[in-house]
Amino acid sequence: MSMDKRIHKLKVNDKNELNILNIGLEIFYNDLRKQGVNAIHVAWKPPVKLEKDIEDILSKVM
């Protein structure tokens, strides 16, 4: 079954509307909105894992 046929058979809510919660890539959210899709964007990035010595240096200068 092609992707297009699967999408058309998908019932996403009682009103048959697609609502998206986008986490991370704002460009993906922008493209959804351009296509008329109801979407909310959450600007999220994974926490940065620093090496201990770099973390110590940054804590002193900040």
N, C-alpha and C. Protein backbone atom coordinates (compact mmCIF):
# COMPACT_ATOMS: atom_id res chain seq x y z
N MET A 1 0.84 -1.17 0.00
CA MET A 1 0.00 0.00 0.00
C MET A 1 0.89 1.24 0.00
N SER A 2 0.58 2.19 -0.86
CA SER A 2 1.40 3.40 -0.94
C SER A 2 1.16 4.30 0.26
N MET A 3 2.10 5.19 0.51
CA MET A 3 1.99 6.12 1.63
C MET A 3 0.76 7.01 1.48
N ASP A 4 0.45 7.46 0.25
CA ASP A 4 -0.71 8.32 0.03
C ASP A 4 -2.00 7.65 0.45
N LYS A 5 -2.17 6.38 0.13
CA LYS A 5 -3.39 5.66 0.48
C LYS A 5 -3.50 5.49 1.99
N ARG A 6 -2.38 5.24 2.66
CA ARG A 6 -2.41 5.09 4.11
C ARG A 6 -2.77 6.41 4.79
N ILE A 7 -2.28 7.50 4.28
CA ILE A 7 -2.58 8.80 4.87
C ILE A 7 -4.06 9.11 4.73
N HIS A 8 -4.64 8.83 3.57
CA HIS A 8 -6.05 9.13 3.36
C HIS A 8 -6.96 8.27 4.23
N LYS A 9 -6.52 7.09 4.63
CA LYS A 9 -7.33 6.21 5.47
C LYS A 9 -7.18 6.54 6.95
N LEU A 10 -6.23 7.38 7.31
CA LEU A 10 -5.97 7.70 8.70
C LEU A 10 -7.04 8.63 9.24
N LYS A 11 -7.70 8.21 10.32
CA LYS A 11 -8.66 9.07 11.00
C LYS A 11 -7.94 9.61 12.22
N VAL A 12 -7.69 10.91 12.23
CA VAL A 12 -6.86 11.46 13.28
C VAL A 12 -7.64 12.01 14.46
N ASN A 13 -8.88 12.42 14.27
CA ASN A 13 -9.76 12.80 15.38
C ASN A 13 -11.21 12.80 14.87
N ASP A 14 -12.15 13.11 15.73
CA ASP A 14 -13.56 13.04 15.35
C ASP A 14 -13.92 14.00 14.22
N LYS A 15 -13.20 15.09 14.10
CA LYS A 15 -13.45 16.06 13.03
C LYS A 15 -12.64 15.73 11.79
N ASN A 16 -11.86 14.66 11.85
CA ASN A 16 -10.99 14.24 10.74
C ASN A 16 -9.99 15.33 10.37
N GLU A 17 -9.44 15.99 11.39
CA GLU A 17 -8.43 17.02 11.20
C GLU A 17 -7.08 16.50 11.69
N LEU A 18 -6.05 16.93 11.03
CA LEU A 18 -4.70 16.56 11.43
C LEU A 18 -4.12 17.69 12.28
N ASN A 19 -3.69 17.37 13.48
CA ASN A 19 -3.06 18.34 14.38
C ASN A 19 -1.68 17.81 14.76
N ILE A 20 -0.67 18.66 14.63
CA ILE A 20 0.71 18.24 14.84
C ILE A 20 1.34 19.04 15.98
N LEU A 21 2.06 18.35 16.85
CA LEU A 21 2.93 18.99 17.84
C LEU A 21 4.35 18.74 17.35
N ASN A 22 5.00 19.79 16.89
CA ASN A 22 6.35 19.69 16.35
C ASN A 22 7.35 20.06 17.44
N ILE A 23 8.30 19.18 17.70
CA ILE A 23 9.30 19.44 18.72
C ILE A 23 10.67 19.48 18.06
N GLY A 24 11.28 20.65 18.04
CA GLY A 24 12.65 20.75 17.55
C GLY A 24 12.82 21.54 16.27
N LEU A 25 12.65 20.91 15.13
CA LEU A 25 13.00 21.54 13.86
C LEU A 25 11.92 22.52 13.41
N GLU A 26 12.21 23.81 13.52
CA GLU A 26 11.23 24.83 13.16
C GLU A 26 10.93 24.83 11.66
N ILE A 27 11.89 24.44 10.84
CA ILE A 27 11.66 24.40 9.39
C ILE A 27 10.55 23.40 9.04
N PHE A 28 10.48 22.30 9.78
CA PHE A 28 9.41 21.32 9.57
C PHE A 28 8.06 21.94 9.92
N TYR A 29 8.00 22.65 11.04
CA TYR A 29 6.78 23.35 11.45
C TYR A 29 6.35 24.35 10.38
N ASN A 30 7.30 25.15 9.90
CA ASN A 30 6.98 26.16 8.88
C ASN A 30 6.40 25.53 7.62
N ASP A 31 6.97 24.41 7.20
CA ASP A 31 6.46 23.72 6.01
C ASP A 31 5.05 23.17 6.24
N LEU A 32 4.78 22.66 7.43
CA LEU A 32 3.43 22.19 7.76
C LEU A 32 2.43 23.34 7.68
N ARG A 33 2.77 24.48 8.27
CA ARG A 33 1.86 25.63 8.27
C ARG A 33 1.61 26.13 6.84
N LYS A 34 2.64 26.11 6.00
CA LYS A 34 2.47 26.53 4.60
C LYS A 34 1.47 25.65 3.87
N GLN A 35 1.34 24.39 4.33
CA GLN A 35 0.41 23.45 3.71
C GLN A 35 -0.96 23.47 4.39
N GLY A 36 -1.15 24.39 5.34
CA GLY A 36 -2.43 24.52 5.99
C GLY A 36 -2.69 23.54 7.12
N VAL A 37 -1.66 22.88 7.60
CA VAL A 37 -1.81 21.90 8.68
C VAL A 37 -1.80 22.63 10.02
N ASN A 38 -2.72 22.26 10.92
CA ASN A 38 -2.73 22.81 12.27
C ASN A 38 -1.51 22.26 13.01
N ALA A 39 -0.64 23.16 13.45
CA ALA A 39 0.59 22.72 14.11
C ALA A 39 1.00 23.69 15.20
N ILE A 40 1.63 23.16 16.22
CA ILE A 40 2.22 23.94 17.29
C ILE A 40 3.70 23.58 17.33
N HIS A 41 4.54 24.59 17.50
CA HIS A 41 5.98 24.36 17.53
C HIS A 41 6.53 24.56 18.93
N VAL A 42 7.33 23.62 19.40
CA VAL A 42 8.04 23.74 20.67
C VAL A 42 9.53 23.81 20.35
N ALA A 43 10.15 24.93 20.71
CA ALA A 43 11.58 25.11 20.45
C ALA A 43 12.36 24.34 21.51
N TRP A 44 12.78 23.14 21.20
CA TRP A 44 13.48 22.27 22.14
C TRP A 44 14.78 21.81 21.53
N LYS A 45 15.79 21.77 22.35
CA LYS A 45 17.09 21.21 21.95
C LYS A 45 17.53 20.26 23.06
N PRO A 46 18.18 19.17 22.70
CA PRO A 46 18.68 18.28 23.75
C PRO A 46 19.72 19.00 24.59
N PRO A 47 19.80 18.68 25.88
CA PRO A 47 20.80 19.33 26.72
C PRO A 47 22.22 19.02 26.24
N VAL A 48 23.07 20.02 26.38
CA VAL A 48 24.46 19.86 25.96
C VAL A 48 25.23 19.12 27.04
N LYS A 49 25.97 18.12 26.64
CA LYS A 49 26.81 17.35 27.57
C LYS A 49 28.24 17.87 27.41
N LEU A 50 28.73 18.55 28.43
CA LEU A 50 30.08 19.12 28.37
C LEU A 50 31.08 18.25 29.11
N GLU A 51 32.29 18.30 28.63
CA GLU A 51 33.38 17.66 29.36
C GLU A 51 33.58 18.42 30.67
N LYS A 52 34.00 17.75 31.71
CA LYS A 52 34.14 18.35 33.04
C LYS A 52 35.04 19.57 33.02
N ASP A 53 36.18 19.52 32.33
CA ASP A 53 37.10 20.66 32.33
C ASP A 53 36.50 21.88 31.63
N ILE A 54 35.76 21.65 30.56
CA ILE A 54 35.11 22.76 29.85
C ILE A 54 34.00 23.34 30.72
N GLU A 55 33.26 22.49 31.39
CA GLU A 55 32.20 22.94 32.30
C GLU A 55 32.78 23.81 33.42
N ASP A 56 33.91 23.42 33.97
CA ASP A 56 34.56 24.20 35.03
C ASP A 56 34.98 25.58 34.52
N ILE A 57 35.56 25.63 33.34
CA ILE A 57 35.98 26.91 32.76
C ILE A 57 34.78 27.82 32.53
N LEU A 58 33.73 27.28 31.95
CA LEU A 58 32.53 28.08 31.68
C LEU A 58 31.88 28.59 32.96
N SER A 59 31.87 27.77 33.99
CA SER A 59 31.26 28.20 35.26
C SER A 59 32.03 29.37 35.88
N LYS A 60 33.33 29.45 35.61
CA LYS A 60 34.14 30.55 36.16
C LYS A 60 33.92 31.85 35.39
N VAL A 61 33.71 31.77 34.10
CA VAL A 61 33.58 32.99 33.30
C VAL A 61 32.13 33.48 33.19
N MET A 62 31.20 32.66 33.55
CA MET A 62 29.80 33.07 33.43
C MET A 62 29.27 33.42 34.74
